[in-house]
Amino acid sequence: NLWNPSYFVATVSENTEEQIRNYIQNQQVK
């Protein structure tokens, strides 16, 4: 099952971390 809890959490965490990095970089540019 692709959508098991551990896989889902790992995917969300990875995406969130990337979004946070992009957000910080955008704030530094401004």
N, C-alpha and C. Protein backbone atom coordinates (compact mmCIF):
# COMPACT_ATOMS: atom_id res chain seq x y z
N ASN A 1 0.86 -1.20 0.00
CA ASN A 1 0.00 0.00 0.00
C ASN A 1 0.89 1.25 0.00
N LEU A 2 0.81 2.03 -1.06
CA LEU A 2 1.69 3.18 -1.21
C LEU A 2 1.40 4.24 -0.14
N TRP A 3 0.13 4.36 0.24
CA TRP A 3 -0.25 5.42 1.17
C TRP A 3 -0.29 4.90 2.61
N ASN A 4 0.75 4.20 3.03
CA ASN A 4 0.83 3.81 4.43
C ASN A 4 1.29 5.01 5.25
N PRO A 5 0.97 5.06 6.53
CA PRO A 5 1.25 6.26 7.35
C PRO A 5 2.70 6.70 7.29
N SER A 6 3.64 5.77 7.41
CA SER A 6 5.05 6.16 7.44
C SER A 6 5.46 6.80 6.12
N TYR A 7 5.00 6.26 5.00
CA TYR A 7 5.34 6.83 3.69
C TYR A 7 4.73 8.22 3.56
N PHE A 8 3.49 8.35 3.99
CA PHE A 8 2.79 9.63 3.88
C PHE A 8 3.49 10.69 4.71
N VAL A 9 3.83 10.36 5.94
CA VAL A 9 4.48 11.32 6.83
C VAL A 9 5.85 11.71 6.28
N ALA A 10 6.59 10.73 5.78
CA ALA A 10 7.92 11.01 5.25
C ALA A 10 7.82 11.95 4.05
N THR A 11 6.83 11.71 3.19
CA THR A 11 6.67 12.55 2.00
C THR A 11 6.27 13.97 2.40
N VAL A 12 5.33 14.10 3.30
CA VAL A 12 4.88 15.42 3.73
C VAL A 12 6.01 16.18 4.40
N SER A 13 6.78 15.49 5.24
CA SER A 13 7.88 16.15 5.94
C SER A 13 8.91 16.66 4.94
N GLU A 14 9.21 15.84 3.95
CA GLU A 14 10.22 16.23 2.96
C GLU A 14 9.73 17.44 2.17
N ASN A 15 8.47 17.43 1.75
CA ASN A 15 7.93 18.55 0.98
C ASN A 15 7.88 19.81 1.84
N THR A 16 7.50 19.66 3.09
CA THR A 16 7.41 20.82 3.98
C THR A 16 8.78 21.44 4.18
N GLU A 17 9.79 20.61 4.37
CA GLU A 17 11.15 21.13 4.58
C GLU A 17 11.60 21.93 3.38
N GLU A 18 11.29 21.43 2.19
CA GLU A 18 11.69 22.13 0.97
C GLU A 18 10.95 23.46 0.85
N GLN A 19 9.67 23.46 1.21
CA GLN A 19 8.89 24.70 1.13
C GLN A 19 9.42 25.73 2.12
N ILE A 20 9.82 25.26 3.30
CA ILE A 20 10.36 26.18 4.31
C ILE A 20 11.65 26.80 3.80
N ARG A 21 12.51 25.99 3.18
CA ARG A 21 13.77 26.51 2.65
C ARG A 21 13.50 27.56 1.58
N ASN A 22 12.54 27.28 0.70
CA ASN A 22 12.22 28.24 -0.36
C ASN A 22 11.67 29.52 0.25
N TYR A 23 10.84 29.39 1.29
CA TYR A 23 10.26 30.55 1.94
C TYR A 23 11.35 31.42 2.56
N ILE A 24 12.30 30.78 3.25
CA ILE A 24 13.39 31.53 3.88
C ILE A 24 14.22 32.24 2.82
N GLN A 25 14.52 31.55 1.74
CA GLN A 25 15.33 32.17 0.68
C GLN A 25 14.60 33.36 0.08
N ASN A 26 13.29 33.24 -0.10
CA ASN A 26 12.52 34.35 -0.66
C ASN A 26 12.52 35.53 0.30
N GLN A 27 12.47 35.27 1.59
CA GLN A 27 12.48 36.35 2.57
C GLN A 27 13.83 37.05 2.55
N GLN A 28 14.90 36.30 2.38
CA GLN A 28 16.24 36.90 2.36
C GLN A 28 16.41 37.77 1.12
N VAL A 29 15.81 37.37 0.01
CA VAL A 29 15.92 38.15 -1.22
C VAL A 29 15.25 39.51 -1.02
N LYS A 30 14.09 39.51 -0.41
CA LYS A 30 13.37 40.76 -0.16
C LYS A 30 14.07 41.52 0.98
